[in-house]
Amino acid sequence: MVEENKKQEIKPGMKVKVFEKLREKGPKGEIEERLQAFEGVVIAKHKKKEIGATIVVRKISADGVGVEKIYPLYSPLIDRIEVLGQYKTRKAKLYYLRTYKKKLKEEK
């Protein structure tokens, strides 16, 4: 798990799908573990390759509201991170996407 995330080079502007492990109590009281996916654009990466490195992922939900989540890269609760694509960017921090209305261009 941790080794997989180390090999990937995640950059701002990448479209990613993060699979997070969740533990819930079932109807009979036993603990069940499941995976929940969160798909969006990486708008920032902090602390590069340190053990406390994090990424900020932003997506627009169905009703047009923006949702941001901060994920620690080397957490055991992160199952895997899939890279789906790369957008063209010139900045390291894409906080301007919070108010930006146009679509970003996809790199080939």
C-alpha atoms as a PDB file:
ATOM      1  CA  MET A   1       0.000   0.000   0.000  1.00  0.00           C
ATOM      2  CA  VAL A   2       2.561   2.545   1.133  1.00  0.00           C
ATOM      3  CA  GLU A   3       5.115   1.314  -1.406  1.00  0.00           C
ATOM      4  CA  GLU A   4       2.554   1.754  -4.217  1.00  0.00           C
ATOM      5  CA  ASN A   5       1.928   5.384  -3.290  1.00  0.00           C
ATOM      6  CA  LYS A   6       5.674   6.096  -3.082  1.00  0.00           C
ATOM      7  CA  LYS A   7       6.223   4.944  -6.663  1.00  0.00           C
ATOM      8  CA  GLN A   8       3.536   7.218  -8.095  1.00  0.00           C
ATOM      9  CA  GLU A   9       4.434  10.800  -8.856  1.00  0.00           C
ATOM     10  CA  ILE A  10       1.286  12.766  -8.067  1.00  0.00           C
ATOM     11  CA  LYS A  11       1.320  16.375  -9.278  1.00  0.00           C
ATOM     12  CA  PRO A  12      -1.148  19.260  -9.120  1.00  0.00           C
ATOM     13  CA  GLY A  13      -3.460  19.178 -12.124  1.00  0.00           C
ATOM     14  CA  MET A  14      -3.783  15.390 -12.165  1.00  0.00           C
ATOM     15  CA  LYS A  15      -7.226  13.830 -12.206  1.00  0.00           C
ATOM     16  CA  VAL A  16      -7.142  11.077  -9.578  1.00  0.00           C
ATOM     17  CA  LYS A  17      -9.410   8.554  -7.903  1.00  0.00           C
ATOM     18  CA  VAL A  18      -8.570   7.955  -4.223  1.00  0.00           C
ATOM     19  CA  PHE A  19      -9.834   4.750  -2.588  1.00  0.00           C
ATOM     20  CA  GLU A  20     -10.257   5.201   1.166  1.00  0.00           C
ATOM     21  CA  LYS A  21     -10.860   2.378   3.657  1.00  0.00           C
ATOM     22  CA  LEU A  22     -13.898   2.939   5.878  1.00  0.00           C
ATOM     23  CA  ARG A  23     -14.944   0.914   8.896  1.00  0.00           C
ATOM     24  CA  GLU A  24     -18.639   0.777   9.751  1.00  0.00           C
ATOM     25  CA  LYS A  25     -20.789  -1.172  12.145  1.00  0.00           C
ATOM     26  CA  GLY A  26     -23.189  -3.522  10.432  1.00  0.00           C
ATOM     27  CA  PRO A  27     -26.803  -4.139  11.464  1.00  0.00           C
ATOM     28  CA  LYS A  28     -25.718  -6.933  13.824  1.00  0.00           C
ATOM     29  CA  GLY A  29     -22.961  -4.881  15.452  1.00  0.00           C
ATOM     30  CA  GLU A  30     -19.962  -6.393  13.666  1.00  0.00           C
ATOM     31  CA  ILE A  31     -17.399  -4.088  12.085  1.00  0.00           C
ATOM     32  CA  GLU A  32     -17.345  -4.140   8.280  1.00  0.00           C
ATOM     33  CA  GLU A  33     -14.648  -2.611   6.113  1.00  0.00           C
ATOM     34  CA  ARG A  34     -15.361  -1.169   2.671  1.00  0.00           C
ATOM     35  CA  LEU A  35     -13.707   1.077   0.097  1.00  0.00           C
ATOM     36  CA  GLN A  36     -15.055   4.486  -0.854  1.00  0.00           C
ATOM     37  CA  ALA A  37     -13.800   6.277  -3.967  1.00  0.00           C
ATOM     38  CA  PHE A  38     -13.346  10.051  -4.285  1.00  0.00           C
ATOM     39  CA  GLU A  39     -12.584  11.322  -7.789  1.00  0.00           C
ATOM     40  CA  GLY A  40     -11.318  14.824  -8.469  1.00  0.00           C
ATOM     41  CA  VAL A  41      -8.431  17.121  -9.411  1.00  0.00           C
ATOM     42  CA  VAL A  42      -5.318  17.518  -7.259  1.00  0.00           C
ATOM     43  CA  ILE A  43      -5.082  21.247  -6.516  1.00  0.00           C
ATOM     44  CA  ALA A  44      -2.126  21.143  -4.089  1.00  0.00           C
ATOM     45  CA  LYS A  45       0.587  18.883  -2.762  1.00  0.00           C
ATOM     46  CA  HIS A  46       2.324  19.597   0.515  1.00  0.00           C
ATOM     47  CA  LYS A  47       5.660  18.319   1.922  1.00  0.00           C
ATOM     48  CA  LYS A  48       6.689  16.524  -1.306  1.00  0.00           C
ATOM     49  CA  LYS A  49       8.037  13.069  -0.268  1.00  0.00           C
ATOM     50  CA  GLU A  50       8.108  13.330   3.528  1.00  0.00           C
ATOM     51  CA  ILE A  51       6.139  10.914   5.672  1.00  0.00           C
ATOM     52  CA  GLY A  52       3.578  13.650   6.409  1.00  0.00           C
ATOM     53  CA  ALA A  53       2.970  14.501   2.739  1.00  0.00           C
ATOM     54  CA  THR A  54      -0.616  15.391   1.802  1.00  0.00           C
ATOM     55  CA  ILE A  55      -2.627  16.146  -1.321  1.00  0.00           C
ATOM     56  CA  VAL A  56      -5.757  18.291  -1.647  1.00  0.00           C
ATOM     57  CA  VAL A  57      -8.346  16.817  -4.045  1.00  0.00           C
ATOM     58  CA  ARG A  58     -11.297  18.891  -5.307  1.00  0.00           C
ATOM     59  CA  LYS A  59     -14.421  17.756  -7.136  1.00  0.00           C
ATOM     60  CA  ILE A  60     -17.692  19.354  -8.120  1.00  0.00           C
ATOM     61  CA  SER A  61     -20.662  17.378  -6.789  1.00  0.00           C
ATOM     62  CA  ALA A  62     -23.867  16.718  -8.715  1.00  0.00           C
ATOM     63  CA  ASP A  63     -25.633  19.848  -7.443  1.00  0.00           C
ATOM     64  CA  GLY A  64     -22.719  22.143  -8.366  1.00  0.00           C
ATOM     65  CA  VAL A  65     -21.129  22.441  -4.923  1.00  0.00           C
ATOM     66  CA  GLY A  66     -17.348  22.083  -4.711  1.00  0.00           C
ATOM     67  CA  VAL A  67     -15.981  19.515  -2.252  1.00  0.00           C
ATOM     68  CA  GLU A  68     -12.334  19.364  -1.139  1.00  0.00           C
ATOM     69  CA  LYS A  69     -10.653  16.622   0.859  1.00  0.00           C
ATOM     70  CA  ILE A  70      -7.134  16.456   2.260  1.00  0.00           C
ATOM     71  CA  TYR A  71      -5.505  13.022   2.070  1.00  0.00           C
ATOM     72  CA  PRO A  72      -2.235  11.977   3.742  1.00  0.00           C
ATOM     73  CA  LEU A  73      -0.281  10.090   1.059  1.00  0.00           C
ATOM     74  CA  TYR A  74       1.289   7.479   3.339  1.00  0.00           C
ATOM     75  CA  SER A  75      -1.737   6.722   5.516  1.00  0.00           C
ATOM     76  CA  PRO A  76      -2.744   3.069   5.961  1.00  0.00           C
ATOM     77  CA  LEU A  77      -6.373   4.177   5.432  1.00  0.00           C
ATOM     78  CA  ILE A  78      -5.635   5.012   1.774  1.00  0.00           C
ATOM     79  CA  ASP A  79      -5.926   1.779  -0.214  1.00  0.00           C
ATOM     80  CA  ARG A  80      -4.731   3.086  -3.581  1.00  0.00           C
ATOM     81  CA  ILE A  81      -4.628   6.159  -5.795  1.00  0.00           C
ATOM     82  CA  GLU A  82      -5.419   5.798  -9.496  1.00  0.00           C
ATOM     83  CA  VAL A  83      -4.257   8.477 -11.930  1.00  0.00           C
ATOM     84  CA  LEU A  84      -6.936   9.083 -14.586  1.00  0.00           C
ATOM     85  CA  GLY A  85      -5.407  11.969 -16.509  1.00  0.00           C
ATOM     86  CA  GLN A  86      -3.397  15.193 -16.452  1.00  0.00           C
ATOM     87  CA  TYR A  87      -4.586  18.747 -17.064  1.00  0.00           C
ATOM     88  CA  LYS A  88      -2.347  21.479 -18.454  1.00  0.00           C
ATOM     89  CA  THR A  89      -1.203  23.730 -15.606  1.00  0.00           C
ATOM     90  CA  ARG A  90       1.524  26.275 -15.010  1.00  0.00           C
ATOM     91  CA  LYS A  91       1.221  26.670 -11.258  1.00  0.00           C
ATOM     92  CA  ALA A  92       2.042  24.416  -8.318  1.00  0.00           C
ATOM     93  CA  LYS A  93      -1.023  25.422  -6.291  1.00  0.00           C
ATOM     94  CA  LEU A  94      -4.326  25.522  -8.171  1.00  0.00           C
ATOM     95  CA  TYR A  95      -6.414  27.355  -5.577  1.00  0.00           C
ATOM     96  CA  TYR A  96      -7.803  29.590  -8.336  1.00  0.00           C
ATOM     97  CA  LEU A  97      -9.976  26.622  -9.417  1.00  0.00           C
ATOM     98  CA  ARG A  98     -12.276  27.421  -6.483  1.00  0.00           C
ATOM     99  CA  THR A  99     -13.669  30.404  -8.405  1.00  0.00           C
ATOM    100  CA  TYR A 100     -12.706  29.411 -11.978  1.00  0.00           C
ATOM    101  CA  LYS A 101     -15.688  28.698 -14.248  1.00  0.00           C
ATOM    102  CA  LYS A 102     -13.983  27.394 -17.400  1.00  0.00           C
ATOM    103  CA  LYS A 103     -12.825  23.823 -18.025  1.00  0.00           C
ATOM    104  CA  LEU A 104      -9.122  22.988 -17.909  1.00  0.00           C
ATOM    105  CA  LYS A 105      -7.455  21.603 -21.038  1.00  0.00           C
ATOM    106  CA  GLU A 106      -6.418  17.959 -20.958  1.00  0.00           C
ATOM    107  CA  GLU A 107      -2.818  17.027 -21.854  1.00  0.00           C
ATOM    108  CA  LYS A 108      -2.221  14.276 -24.383  1.00  0.00           C
END
